[in-house]
Amino acid sequence: MKRFLAALAVLTTSALWAQEYIIGPGDIIKVSEMNYPQIEGEYRVNSLGYISLPELGRILVQGSTIADTQKAVSDEMKKYLNNPQVLIEVVEYNYRPISVLGAVHRPGRLEGYSPNLTLVKALSQAGGVSENASDKVIVMRQTDAGLTETLEISYERLMFNAQAHLNIPLFPGDTVNIPVEKPFRVSIIGEINKPGEIEFSRRGKVTILRVIAAAGGLTDYARRRNLLVKREVDGIPKEFKVDIRAITSGNDTDFEMQHGDVVIVP
């Protein structure tokens, strides 16, 4: 399995995509010829791989590229025109669906997608990522040689850091996988309104103020200057004293939590 070195190094433009795409049943193609408007329209490829055009009849397009299909239609049109200029465009892809799997709200195949489908659009059509999604977006693509290439993209960089170059175009047959990540768990006990274990997504920073807010806030009896965070580092128990008043007043930075931490509010 190969890893892409960079998205732009391996992904062609949508125009090149259209030239190389192999048409199949279910696809909808647009046919036009400015001097012969009778055939202009959109046609679905039937289960046998044919389209039926007015006056020209059935034409086999399954297994053909855009260029091959243009030639096949042009050859039929030479019965009516000396030099037909046929334009073929795939307007809806169904033959080779794109799949979005893993931690999304509507995992499965995206059928009937239009050209120029991007990664962000595909994630949106799949209902967006779920709370247990990792920061990884993995795009898998099969090459003509039968090999599978993969590209790993940071979801946070894609969606929140305005790095537009990561919003790559997807090709028919691509698979997008959002791995499910184990939740980030922190326990909090003592003078807190909702003591217990709390789960957080690993996307974004989890701080002690965020934990306190998720646990309903401190009670009126909480000693805000003397919170204790217990943590195990390489098998060795460690303790950290945290002054919430100093944090909320801006005199100290918010304490960043780690998975498995235990917060004690005296």
Protein backbone atom coordinates (compact mmCIF):
# COMPACT_ATOMS: atom_id res chain seq x y z
CA MET A 1 0.00 0.00 0.00
CA LYS A 2 1.34 3.34 -1.01
CA ARG A 3 0.89 6.67 0.68
CA PHE A 4 0.37 9.78 -1.37
CA LEU A 5 3.17 12.27 -0.87
CA ALA A 6 0.84 15.15 -1.50
CA ALA A 7 -2.73 15.50 -2.67
CA LEU A 8 -1.89 17.67 -5.64
CA ALA A 9 0.80 15.30 -6.81
CA VAL A 10 -1.61 12.46 -7.43
CA LEU A 11 -5.03 14.00 -8.08
CA THR A 12 -5.76 15.23 -11.56
CA THR A 13 -8.17 17.97 -12.49
CA SER A 14 -11.84 17.29 -13.00
CA ALA A 15 -11.38 17.61 -16.75
CA LEU A 16 -8.83 14.82 -16.83
CA TRP A 17 -11.08 12.80 -14.55
CA ALA A 18 -13.87 13.11 -17.10
CA GLN A 19 -11.59 11.96 -19.92
CA GLU A 20 -10.43 8.86 -18.08
CA TYR A 21 -13.70 7.82 -16.45
CA ILE A 22 -15.19 4.55 -17.73
CA ILE A 23 -18.94 4.85 -18.26
CA GLY A 24 -21.25 2.18 -16.89
CA PRO A 25 -24.90 1.34 -16.15
CA GLY A 26 -26.76 3.93 -14.11
CA ASP A 27 -24.60 6.86 -15.17
CA ILE A 28 -26.37 9.85 -16.67
CA ILE A 29 -24.61 11.51 -19.59
CA LYS A 30 -25.38 14.73 -21.39
CA VAL A 31 -25.20 14.68 -25.19
CA SER A 32 -25.10 17.83 -27.29
CA GLU A 33 -24.37 18.88 -30.87
CA MET A 34 -25.11 22.50 -31.71
CA ASN A 35 -26.13 21.71 -35.28
CA TYR A 36 -28.38 18.80 -34.36
CA PRO A 37 -30.55 19.79 -31.39
CA GLN A 38 -32.76 16.71 -31.79
CA ILE A 39 -30.31 14.62 -29.77
CA GLU A 40 -29.51 17.15 -27.07
CA GLY A 41 -30.43 15.95 -23.61
CA GLU A 42 -29.48 13.82 -20.65
CA TYR A 43 -29.59 10.03 -20.96
CA ARG A 44 -29.26 7.27 -18.39
CA VAL A 45 -27.14 4.27 -19.33
CA ASN A 46 -29.38 1.20 -19.06
CA SER A 47 -28.50 -2.07 -17.37
CA LEU A 48 -27.11 -3.45 -20.64
CA GLY A 49 -24.80 -0.46 -21.11
CA TYR A 50 -26.73 1.36 -23.86
CA ILE A 51 -28.18 4.83 -24.30
CA SER A 52 -31.06 5.45 -26.68
CA LEU A 53 -30.85 8.65 -28.74
CA PRO A 54 -33.60 10.11 -30.92
CA GLU A 55 -33.15 9.08 -34.57
CA LEU A 56 -29.81 7.42 -33.83
CA GLY A 57 -31.17 4.53 -31.79
CA ARG A 58 -29.24 2.49 -29.24
CA ILE A 59 -25.52 3.08 -28.77
CA LEU A 60 -23.32 0.93 -26.54
CA VAL A 61 -21.38 3.12 -24.10
CA GLN A 62 -20.55 0.77 -21.23
CA GLY A 63 -16.81 0.36 -20.84
CA SER A 64 -16.13 3.48 -22.91
CA THR A 65 -14.33 6.67 -21.94
CA ILE A 66 -15.81 10.09 -22.66
CA ALA A 67 -13.70 10.33 -25.81
CA ASP A 68 -14.79 6.86 -26.97
CA THR A 69 -18.44 7.76 -26.46
CA GLN A 70 -18.06 11.02 -28.36
CA LYS A 71 -16.60 9.07 -31.30
CA ALA A 72 -19.35 6.44 -31.21
CA VAL A 73 -22.10 9.07 -31.28
CA SER A 74 -20.26 11.09 -33.93
CA ASP A 75 -19.95 8.03 -36.16
CA GLU A 76 -23.72 7.52 -35.98
CA MET A 77 -24.38 11.18 -36.67
CA LYS A 78 -22.35 11.14 -39.87
CA LYS A 79 -25.50 9.77 -41.48
CA TYR A 80 -26.98 13.25 -41.01
CA LEU A 81 -24.02 15.66 -40.72
CA ASN A 82 -20.73 15.91 -42.57
CA ASN A 83 -18.63 16.89 -39.58
CA PRO A 84 -20.54 16.39 -36.33
CA GLN A 85 -19.11 18.03 -33.23
CA VAL A 86 -20.48 15.96 -30.39
CA LEU A 87 -19.93 16.89 -26.74
CA ILE A 88 -20.38 14.23 -24.05
CA GLU A 89 -20.43 15.01 -20.34
CA VAL A 90 -21.14 12.78 -17.37
CA VAL A 91 -23.57 14.72 -15.19
CA GLU A 92 -24.30 12.02 -12.60
CA TYR A 93 -22.10 9.13 -11.51
CA ASN A 94 -23.78 5.91 -10.40
CA TYR A 95 -21.72 3.07 -11.85
CA ARG A 96 -18.80 3.46 -9.46
CA PRO A 97 -20.15 4.97 -6.25
CA ILE A 98 -18.03 6.72 -3.66
CA SER A 99 -18.26 5.24 -0.17
CA VAL A 100 -17.99 7.19 3.09
CA LEU A 101 -17.49 4.86 6.05
CA GLY A 102 -16.68 4.96 9.74
CA ALA A 103 -17.59 7.70 12.19
CA VAL A 104 -20.15 9.62 10.10
CA HIS A 105 -23.89 9.94 10.70
CA ARG A 106 -24.97 8.29 7.43
CA PRO A 107 -22.24 5.83 6.39
CA GLY A 108 -22.58 4.08 3.05
CA ARG A 109 -22.38 4.66 -0.68
CA LEU A 110 -22.93 8.04 -2.30
CA GLU A 111 -24.85 7.29 -5.47
CA GLY A 112 -25.97 9.81 -8.02
CA TYR A 113 -23.23 12.29 -7.20
CA SER A 114 -22.26 15.00 -9.64
CA PRO A 115 -18.83 15.79 -11.08
CA ASN A 116 -16.41 17.85 -9.01
CA LEU A 117 -17.46 16.19 -5.77
CA THR A 118 -14.99 17.28 -3.12
CA LEU A 119 -14.05 15.69 0.18
CA VAL A 120 -15.97 18.28 2.21
CA LYS A 121 -19.10 17.80 0.09
CA ALA A 122 -18.87 14.02 0.48
CA LEU A 123 -18.60 14.30 4.28
CA SER A 124 -21.58 16.65 4.26
CA GLN A 125 -23.67 14.22 2.16
CA ALA A 126 -22.80 11.51 4.69
CA GLY A 127 -24.32 13.64 7.47
CA GLY A 128 -21.04 14.96 8.86
CA VAL A 129 -18.70 13.29 11.32
CA SER A 130 -19.93 11.93 14.63
CA GLU A 131 -18.64 12.77 18.09
CA ASN A 132 -16.46 9.67 18.26
CA ALA A 133 -14.62 10.52 15.04
CA SER A 134 -10.85 10.73 15.10
CA ASP A 135 -8.95 13.59 13.51
CA LYS A 136 -7.99 11.32 10.60
CA VAL A 137 -9.73 11.33 7.23
CA ILE A 138 -8.41 8.49 5.08
CA VAL A 139 -9.05 8.48 1.33
CA MET A 140 -8.43 5.16 -0.44
CA ARG A 141 -8.19 4.84 -4.20
CA GLN A 142 -7.54 1.85 -6.42
CA THR A 143 -5.11 2.40 -9.28
CA ASP A 144 -5.31 0.93 -12.78
CA ALA A 145 -2.70 -1.59 -11.65
CA GLY A 146 -5.03 -2.85 -8.93
CA LEU A 147 -3.04 -1.29 -6.09
CA THR A 148 -4.62 0.76 -3.32
CA GLU A 149 -3.22 4.19 -2.57
CA THR A 150 -4.11 6.06 0.60
CA LEU A 151 -4.08 9.68 1.64
CA GLU A 152 -4.44 10.74 5.27
CA ILE A 153 -5.79 14.22 6.00
CA SER A 154 -6.34 16.00 9.31
CA TYR A 155 -10.04 16.75 9.81
CA GLU A 156 -9.25 19.77 11.96
CA ARG A 157 -6.93 21.24 9.34
CA LEU A 158 -9.47 20.52 6.61
CA MET A 159 -12.50 22.03 8.35
CA PHE A 160 -11.23 24.63 10.80
CA ASN A 161 -7.80 25.82 9.67
CA ALA A 162 -8.86 27.10 6.24
CA GLN A 163 -6.41 24.85 4.38
CA ALA A 164 -8.41 24.68 1.16
CA HIS A 165 -5.85 22.54 -0.68
CA LEU A 166 -6.88 19.62 1.54
CA ASN A 167 -10.41 19.72 0.13
CA ILE A 168 -9.44 17.34 -2.66
CA PRO A 169 -11.67 16.17 -5.51
CA LEU A 170 -12.89 12.61 -5.20
CA PHE A 171 -12.87 10.07 -8.01
CA PRO A 172 -15.47 7.40 -8.80
CA GLY A 173 -14.76 4.32 -6.72
CA ASP A 174 -12.97 6.21 -3.93
CA THR A 175 -13.54 5.18 -0.32
CA VAL A 176 -13.41 7.74 2.49
CA ASN A 177 -12.96 6.33 5.98
CA ILE A 178 -13.24 8.26 9.25
CA PRO A 179 -11.77 5.98 11.95
CA VAL A 180 -13.65 5.72 15.23
CA GLU A 181 -11.52 6.92 18.10
CA LYS A 182 -11.82 5.82 21.70
CA PRO A 183 -13.36 8.60 23.80
CA PHE A 184 -11.30 10.81 26.06
CA ARG A 185 -12.37 10.04 29.64
CA VAL A 186 -11.84 12.11 32.78
CA SER A 187 -13.28 11.52 36.26
CA ILE A 188 -14.18 14.29 38.68
CA ILE A 189 -15.26 13.84 42.32
CA GLY A 190 -15.79 15.94 45.42
CA GLU A 191 -17.51 19.33 45.59
CA ILE A 192 -18.92 19.19 42.06
CA ASN A 193 -22.58 19.20 41.05
CA LYS A 194 -22.40 16.12 38.79
CA PRO A 195 -19.51 13.92 39.96
CA GLY A 196 -18.47 10.95 37.87
CA GLU A 197 -16.74 9.99 34.64
CA ILE A 198 -17.11 12.27 31.63
CA GLU A 199 -16.40 11.45 27.99
CA PHE A 200 -15.02 13.97 25.51
CA SER A 201 -14.14 13.87 21.84
CA ARG A 202 -10.41 13.83 21.22
CA ARG A 203 -10.81 16.64 18.69
CA GLY A 204 -9.83 19.82 20.43
CA LYS A 205 -8.21 20.48 23.79
CA VAL A 206 -9.80 19.23 27.00
CA THR A 207 -9.04 21.55 29.91
CA ILE A 208 -10.00 21.52 33.56
CA LEU A 209 -12.49 24.38 33.05
CA ARG A 210 -14.15 22.35 30.32
CA VAL A 211 -14.37 19.35 32.65
CA ILE A 212 -15.86 21.44 35.45
CA ALA A 213 -18.45 22.92 33.06
CA ALA A 214 -19.40 19.45 31.78
CA ALA A 215 -19.83 18.29 35.40
CA GLY A 216 -22.30 21.06 36.19
CA GLY A 217 -19.90 23.43 37.92
CA LEU A 218 -18.38 23.59 41.39
CA THR A 219 -20.53 23.65 44.51
CA ASP A 220 -20.59 26.67 46.79
CA TYR A 221 -18.34 24.80 49.22
CA ALA A 222 -15.57 23.99 46.75
CA ARG A 223 -12.08 25.18 47.63
CA ARG A 224 -11.26 26.71 44.25
CA ARG A 225 -7.56 27.25 44.96
CA ASN A 226 -6.81 23.65 45.87
CA LEU A 227 -8.09 21.32 43.20
CA LEU A 228 -6.02 18.18 42.70
CA VAL A 229 -5.45 16.30 39.45
CA LYS A 230 -4.20 12.73 39.75
CA ARG A 231 -2.44 11.23 36.75
CA GLU A 232 -0.36 8.17 35.95
CA VAL A 233 2.74 8.90 33.85
CA ASP A 234 4.68 5.85 32.61
CA GLY A 235 3.20 3.84 35.46
CA ILE A 236 4.16 6.41 38.08
CA PRO A 237 1.36 8.23 39.98
CA LYS A 238 1.64 12.03 39.88
CA GLU A 239 -0.41 14.84 41.41
CA PHE A 240 -0.93 18.41 40.19
CA LYS A 241 -2.42 21.22 42.25
CA VAL A 242 -4.66 23.56 40.24
CA ASP A 243 -5.85 27.03 41.28
CA ILE A 244 -9.16 27.65 39.49
CA ARG A 245 -9.37 31.25 40.72
CA ALA A 246 -6.00 32.02 39.16
CA ILE A 247 -7.15 30.50 35.86
CA THR A 248 -10.49 32.33 35.73
CA SER A 249 -8.85 35.64 36.65
CA GLY A 250 -6.33 35.29 33.84
CA ASN A 251 -3.32 34.90 36.11
CA ASP A 252 -2.68 31.29 35.05
CA THR A 253 -3.31 29.17 31.96
CA ASP A 254 -6.07 26.62 31.86
CA PHE A 255 -4.81 23.21 32.92
CA GLU A 256 -4.84 20.70 30.05
CA MET A 257 -6.23 17.28 30.92
CA GLN A 258 -5.10 13.84 29.77
CA HIS A 259 -7.09 10.68 29.24
CA GLY A 260 -7.63 8.87 32.55
CA ASP A 261 -7.05 11.91 34.79
CA VAL A 262 -8.96 12.12 38.07
CA VAL A 263 -9.94 15.57 39.36
CA ILE A 264 -10.55 15.93 43.10
CA VAL A 265 -12.43 19.02 44.25
CA PRO A 266 -11.94 19.50 48.02
